Structures are given as structure tokens and as C-alpha cells.
Amino acid sequence: MANEHTAHVHGEAELTLAVESNKLLINFLTPADSLLGFEHKAETAEQVKKIEDVRAKLSQIDTILTLSKMECEISNNENNLNTLLAKGSHSTLGKHKDEHEHHVEHTELSFSYTLMCEKLSEVNTATINLFEQFEEINKVRTLWISEKGQGAVTLTPNNNTLKLK
């Protein structure tokens, strides 16, 4: 399983932000259940639609966060939602499923973004929007690093602003 080094806790997510010049790298990791309501391969048309809806929602960076006074463009966006689609479409996943056929699945979903932003060094805060978009998420462990420093904070629906200084 991917990222077994982190605790798999439903309702919790990890968000990492790294600022490098005018580039912002974002990685978002959460149990599939927190976004989809299930962690197994999609078995119904409704579950496939839920995966596609989440993919569409998370293709917009505003779903994850809003930066103070900043316009950014996504230059790269990757995720592993396909691991929950059609059986047999990924040979290594098929093998993995056979090995764990009778065990509870704990699927982590990972979303990575590269944003190109002008005047990124002027950004002081980021508002995390995940709580509004996915009501199952109630805690986001957030790590950030930039030229200004680095930090870590756990955000909640009532405390969703990250200070980047």
C-alpha cells in the first residue's frame, strides 16, 4: 500500500506546501473514505460517478486552498484516483488485491499540484478550503516550507488559515 508510514485515520488529511521562487508545490494525502465514502474499487455506477466528481472538484486548486492576494495557474496536477476504477486495469494493483483479498482495504488518495504564481514571496496566508468541500475531513496536518521559514500546524474547520511566515 502507498504511504503506509502515515497513520490511516478517517477524517484526517495531510497537506504539504513548498514554495520555490514563483513555484508552489502542493501535496494532499487522505484516506479515500474521507473523500468518497469508500476505499475499495468502484463497484457501482454511482461509485464511479463519485470518483469522477471528486476528480473534477480537485482539479480546481480553490477546492484545496486560497492564497492571500494571489493568482496562480496550475502547471501540473496528478492524482491516484484511477487505482479505485475498473478492476484489472493496473497489473500491479491486481496482484496487490489478490494478496489482500480478505483484508480491509485502506486506500490513501494522493493529489499533487504544481502552481506557477507571480509575486509568491508576498503571500503570507493560505485558507484551507477542504473542510467546506469535504465534510468528512475534520483535521488537516499541514507542513510548509518557503524562503521565509518552515512550520507545521494542525488545522480544523474552525481554524483553517495557515500563516506562511
C-alpha atoms as a PDB file:
ATOM      1  CA  MET A   1       0.000   0.000   0.000  1.00  0.00           C
ATOM      2  CA  ALA A   2       1.151   3.518  -0.698  1.00  0.00           C
ATOM      3  CA  ASN A   3       2.288   5.681   2.195  1.00  0.00           C
ATOM      4  CA  GLU A   4       1.940   3.043   4.911  1.00  0.00           C
ATOM      5  CA  HIS A   5       4.284   5.104   7.101  1.00  0.00           C
ATOM      6  CA  THR A   6       1.448   7.501   7.969  1.00  0.00           C
ATOM      7  CA  ALA A   7      -1.441   6.625  10.231  1.00  0.00           C
ATOM      8  CA  HIS A   8      -4.608   5.895   8.275  1.00  0.00           C
ATOM      9  CA  VAL A   9      -7.235   7.894  10.162  1.00  0.00           C
ATOM     10  CA  HIS A  10     -10.571   8.620   8.525  1.00  0.00           C
ATOM     11  CA  GLY A  11     -11.447  12.304   8.603  1.00  0.00           C
ATOM     12  CA  GLU A  12      -7.818  13.368   8.673  1.00  0.00           C
ATOM     13  CA  ALA A  13      -5.605  14.573   5.851  1.00  0.00           C
ATOM     14  CA  GLU A  14      -2.058  15.739   5.261  1.00  0.00           C
ATOM     15  CA  LEU A  15      -1.212  18.820   3.248  1.00  0.00           C
ATOM     16  CA  THR A  16       2.342  19.807   2.326  1.00  0.00           C
ATOM     17  CA  LEU A  17       3.230  23.138   0.712  1.00  0.00           C
ATOM     18  CA  ALA A  18       6.669  24.015  -0.620  1.00  0.00           C
ATOM     19  CA  VAL A  19       7.465  27.428  -2.088  1.00  0.00           C
ATOM     20  CA  GLU A  20      10.347  27.641  -4.536  1.00  0.00           C
ATOM     21  CA  SER A  21      10.730  31.023  -6.243  1.00  0.00           C
ATOM     22  CA  ASN A  22       7.472  31.516  -8.212  1.00  0.00           C
ATOM     23  CA  LYS A  23       6.503  27.827  -7.931  1.00  0.00           C
ATOM     24  CA  LEU A  24       4.222  26.355  -5.283  1.00  0.00           C
ATOM     25  CA  LEU A  25       4.265  22.581  -4.861  1.00  0.00           C
ATOM     26  CA  ILE A  26       1.268  21.110  -3.057  1.00  0.00           C
ATOM     27  CA  ASN A  27       0.678  17.526  -1.969  1.00  0.00           C
ATOM     28  CA  PHE A  28      -2.617  16.440  -0.420  1.00  0.00           C
ATOM     29  CA  LEU A  29      -2.988  12.948   1.096  1.00  0.00           C
ATOM     30  CA  THR A  30      -6.100  11.476   2.728  1.00  0.00           C
ATOM     31  CA  PRO A  31      -7.890   8.148   3.180  1.00  0.00           C
ATOM     32  CA  ALA A  32     -10.211   7.505   0.231  1.00  0.00           C
ATOM     33  CA  ASP A  33     -13.120   7.156   2.642  1.00  0.00           C
ATOM     34  CA  SER A  34     -12.781  10.843   3.635  1.00  0.00           C
ATOM     35  CA  LEU A  35     -13.433  11.943   0.038  1.00  0.00           C
ATOM     36  CA  LEU A  36     -15.518   9.116  -1.417  1.00  0.00           C
ATOM     37  CA  GLY A  37     -17.202   7.302   1.438  1.00  0.00           C
ATOM     38  CA  PHE A  38     -15.495   4.033   0.406  1.00  0.00           C
ATOM     39  CA  GLU A  39     -11.970   2.655  -0.007  1.00  0.00           C
ATOM     40  CA  HIS A  40     -12.447  -0.283  -2.367  1.00  0.00           C
ATOM     41  CA  LYS A  41     -12.534  -0.403  -6.138  1.00  0.00           C
ATOM     42  CA  ALA A  42     -15.678   1.182  -7.529  1.00  0.00           C
ATOM     43  CA  GLU A  43     -18.370  -1.497  -7.809  1.00  0.00           C
ATOM     44  CA  THR A  44     -21.352   0.564  -8.973  1.00  0.00           C
ATOM     45  CA  ALA A  45     -22.007   3.309 -11.497  1.00  0.00           C
ATOM     46  CA  GLU A  46     -22.736   5.607  -8.539  1.00  0.00           C
ATOM     47  CA  GLN A  47     -19.270   4.948  -7.058  1.00  0.00           C
ATOM     48  CA  VAL A  48     -17.592   5.572 -10.435  1.00  0.00           C
ATOM     49  CA  LYS A  49     -19.513   8.849 -10.683  1.00  0.00           C
ATOM     50  CA  LYS A  50     -18.384   9.812  -7.156  1.00  0.00           C
ATOM     51  CA  ILE A  51     -14.740   9.243  -8.187  1.00  0.00           C
ATOM     52  CA  GLU A  52     -15.201  11.378 -11.297  1.00  0.00           C
ATOM     53  CA  ASP A  53     -16.939  14.111  -9.259  1.00  0.00           C
ATOM     54  CA  VAL A  54     -14.058  14.191  -6.766  1.00  0.00           C
ATOM     55  CA  ARG A  55     -11.536  14.258  -9.633  1.00  0.00           C
ATOM     56  CA  ALA A  56     -13.339  17.249 -11.189  1.00  0.00           C
ATOM     57  CA  LYS A  57     -13.636  19.060  -7.866  1.00  0.00           C
ATOM     58  CA  LEU A  58      -9.967  18.546  -7.001  1.00  0.00           C
ATOM     59  CA  SER A  59      -8.807  19.651 -10.441  1.00  0.00           C
ATOM     60  CA  GLN A  60      -9.552  23.171  -9.163  1.00  0.00           C
ATOM     61  CA  ILE A  61      -6.938  24.381  -6.688  1.00  0.00           C
ATOM     62  CA  ASP A  62      -9.542  26.523  -4.910  1.00  0.00           C
ATOM     63  CA  THR A  63     -11.041  23.273  -3.628  1.00  0.00           C
ATOM     64  CA  ILE A  64      -7.911  22.824  -1.535  1.00  0.00           C
ATOM     65  CA  LEU A  65      -6.783  26.335  -0.705  1.00  0.00           C
ATOM     66  CA  THR A  66      -6.943  30.034  -1.431  1.00  0.00           C
ATOM     67  CA  LEU A  67      -3.786  32.124  -1.235  1.00  0.00           C
ATOM     68  CA  SER A  68      -3.936  35.669   0.045  1.00  0.00           C
ATOM     69  CA  LYS A  69      -3.855  38.221  -2.795  1.00  0.00           C
ATOM     70  CA  MET A  70      -2.550  35.720  -5.314  1.00  0.00           C
ATOM     71  CA  GLU A  71      -3.458  34.469  -8.742  1.00  0.00           C
ATOM     72  CA  CYS A  72      -1.866  31.179  -9.686  1.00  0.00           C
ATOM     73  CA  GLU A  73      -2.113  28.792 -12.602  1.00  0.00           C
ATOM     74  CA  ILE A  74      -1.861  25.025 -12.264  1.00  0.00           C
ATOM     75  CA  SER A  75       1.020  23.799 -14.409  1.00  0.00           C
ATOM     76  CA  ASN A  76       0.804  20.178 -13.249  1.00  0.00           C
ATOM     77  CA  ASN A  77      -1.881  18.121 -11.492  1.00  0.00           C
ATOM     78  CA  GLU A  78      -1.564  14.417 -10.649  1.00  0.00           C
ATOM     79  CA  ASN A  79      -3.626  12.002  -8.550  1.00  0.00           C
ATOM     80  CA  ASN A  80      -4.095   8.292  -7.967  1.00  0.00           C
ATOM     81  CA  LEU A  81      -7.909   8.095  -8.227  1.00  0.00           C
ATOM     82  CA  ASN A  82      -7.572   5.559 -11.056  1.00  0.00           C
ATOM     83  CA  THR A  83      -6.488   2.959  -8.501  1.00  0.00           C
ATOM     84  CA  LEU A  84     -10.154   2.740  -7.477  1.00  0.00           C
ATOM     85  CA  LEU A  85     -11.518   2.340 -11.007  1.00  0.00           C
ATOM     86  CA  ALA A  86     -12.007  -0.737 -13.216  1.00  0.00           C
ATOM     87  CA  LYS A  87     -10.580  -3.982 -11.916  1.00  0.00           C
ATOM     88  CA  GLY A  88      -7.662  -5.439 -13.826  1.00  0.00           C
ATOM     89  CA  SER A  89      -6.698  -2.147 -15.434  1.00  0.00           C
ATOM     90  CA  HIS A  90      -3.498  -1.945 -13.400  1.00  0.00           C
ATOM     91  CA  SER A  91      -1.480  -5.162 -13.264  1.00  0.00           C
ATOM     92  CA  THR A  92       0.409  -4.392 -10.047  1.00  0.00           C
ATOM     93  CA  LEU A  93      -2.798  -3.375  -8.287  1.00  0.00           C
ATOM     94  CA  GLY A  94      -4.475  -6.583  -9.384  1.00  0.00           C
ATOM     95  CA  LYS A  95      -1.667  -8.602  -7.837  1.00  0.00           C
ATOM     96  CA  HIS A  96      -1.884  -6.491  -4.687  1.00  0.00           C
ATOM     97  CA  LYS A  97      -5.633  -7.076  -4.469  1.00  0.00           C
ATOM     98  CA  ASP A  98      -5.191 -10.858  -4.719  1.00  0.00           C
ATOM     99  CA  GLU A  99      -2.739 -10.791  -1.815  1.00  0.00           C
ATOM    100  CA  HIS A 100      -5.153  -8.814   0.369  1.00  0.00           C
ATOM    101  CA  GLU A 101      -8.470 -10.059  -0.935  1.00  0.00           C
ATOM    102  CA  HIS A 102      -9.880 -10.856   2.501  1.00  0.00           C
ATOM    103  CA  HIS A 103      -8.421  -7.876   4.359  1.00  0.00           C
ATOM    104  CA  VAL A 104      -9.930  -4.459   4.924  1.00  0.00           C
ATOM    105  CA  GLU A 105      -8.577  -2.046   2.354  1.00  0.00           C
ATOM    106  CA  HIS A 106      -7.029   1.225   3.498  1.00  0.00           C
ATOM    107  CA  THR A 107      -6.580   3.216   0.328  1.00  0.00           C
ATOM    108  CA  GLU A 108      -4.802   6.550   0.530  1.00  0.00           C
ATOM    109  CA  LEU A 109      -5.556   9.101  -2.153  1.00  0.00           C
ATOM    110  CA  SER A 110      -2.775  11.441  -3.182  1.00  0.00           C
ATOM    111  CA  PHE A 111      -3.105  14.687  -5.128  1.00  0.00           C
ATOM    112  CA  SER A 112      -0.065  16.679  -6.262  1.00  0.00           C
ATOM    113  CA  TYR A 113      -0.107  20.118  -7.818  1.00  0.00           C
ATOM    114  CA  THR A 114       2.488  22.495  -9.190  1.00  0.00           C
ATOM    115  CA  LEU A 115       1.330  26.083  -9.357  1.00  0.00           C
ATOM    116  CA  MET A 116       3.063  28.968 -11.057  1.00  0.00           C
ATOM    117  CA  CYS A 117       2.374  32.231  -9.229  1.00  0.00           C
ATOM    118  CA  GLU A 118       3.581  35.789  -9.635  1.00  0.00           C
ATOM    119  CA  LYS A 119       4.933  37.520  -6.513  1.00  0.00           C
ATOM    120  CA  LEU A 120       4.621  34.327  -4.490  1.00  0.00           C
ATOM    121  CA  SER A 121       7.042  35.731  -1.901  1.00  0.00           C
ATOM    122  CA  GLU A 122       4.335  38.245  -0.917  1.00  0.00           C
ATOM    123  CA  VAL A 123       1.879  35.532   0.131  1.00  0.00           C
ATOM    124  CA  ASN A 124       1.512  35.406   3.917  1.00  0.00           C
ATOM    125  CA  THR A 125      -1.549  33.228   4.422  1.00  0.00           C
ATOM    126  CA  ALA A 126      -3.431  30.365   2.842  1.00  0.00           C
ATOM    127  CA  THR A 127      -7.031  29.479   3.656  1.00  0.00           C
ATOM    128  CA  ILE A 128      -7.617  25.738   3.587  1.00  0.00           C
ATOM    129  CA  ASN A 129     -10.971  25.042   1.862  1.00  0.00           C
ATOM    130  CA  LEU A 130     -11.023  21.257   2.236  1.00  0.00           C
ATOM    131  CA  PHE A 131     -13.355  21.377   5.238  1.00  0.00           C
ATOM    132  CA  GLU A 132     -16.066  23.149   3.242  1.00  0.00           C
ATOM    133  CA  GLN A 133     -15.622  20.881   0.224  1.00  0.00           C
ATOM    134  CA  PHE A 134     -15.453  17.537   2.064  1.00  0.00           C
ATOM    135  CA  GLU A 135     -17.450  17.440   5.284  1.00  0.00           C
ATOM    136  CA  GLU A 136     -15.834  14.143   6.314  1.00  0.00           C
ATOM    137  CA  ILE A 137     -12.480  15.905   6.740  1.00  0.00           C
ATOM    138  CA  ASN A 138     -12.150  17.372  10.215  1.00  0.00           C
ATOM    139  CA  LYS A 139      -8.388  17.689  10.650  1.00  0.00           C
ATOM    140  CA  VAL A 140      -5.576  18.603   8.235  1.00  0.00           C
ATOM    141  CA  ARG A 141      -1.973  18.203   9.359  1.00  0.00           C
ATOM    142  CA  THR A 142      -0.196  20.882   7.371  1.00  0.00           C
ATOM    143  CA  LEU A 143       3.534  21.240   6.704  1.00  0.00           C
ATOM    144  CA  TRP A 144       5.011  24.161   4.796  1.00  0.00           C
ATOM    145  CA  ILE A 145       8.442  25.362   3.751  1.00  0.00           C
ATOM    146  CA  SER A 146       9.491  28.552   1.977  1.00  0.00           C
ATOM    147  CA  GLU A 147      12.257  31.118   1.874  1.00  0.00           C
ATOM    148  CA  LYS A 148      10.568  32.708   4.921  1.00  0.00           C
ATOM    149  CA  GLY A 149      10.919  29.560   7.007  1.00  0.00           C
ATOM    150  CA  GLN A 150       9.025  26.392   7.705  1.00  0.00           C
ATOM    151  CA  GLY A 151       6.336  25.195  10.011  1.00  0.00           C
ATOM    152  CA  ALA A 152       3.725  22.626  10.876  1.00  0.00           C
ATOM    153  CA  VAL A 153       0.215  23.104  12.191  1.00  0.00           C
ATOM    154  CA  THR A 154      -2.953  21.045  12.505  1.00  0.00           C
ATOM    155  CA  LEU A 155      -5.914  22.875  11.018  1.00  0.00           C
ATOM    156  CA  THR A 156      -9.599  22.297  11.728  1.00  0.00           C
ATOM    157  CA  PRO A 157     -12.885  23.655  10.326  1.00  0.00           C
ATOM    158  CA  ASN A 158     -12.796  26.428  12.953  1.00  0.00           C
ATOM    159  CA  ASN A 159      -9.104  27.205  12.391  1.00  0.00           C
ATOM    160  CA  ASN A 160      -8.446  26.883   8.647  1.00  0.00           C
ATOM    161  CA  THR A 161      -5.913  29.649   7.968  1.00  0.00           C
ATOM    162  CA  LEU A 162      -2.261  28.789   7.514  1.00  0.00           C
ATOM    163  CA  LYS A 163       0.265  31.550   8.248  1.00  0.00           C
ATOM    164  CA  LEU A 164       3.274  31.250   5.910  1.00  0.00           C
ATOM    165  CA  LYS A 165       5.813  33.273   7.867  1.00  0.00           C
END
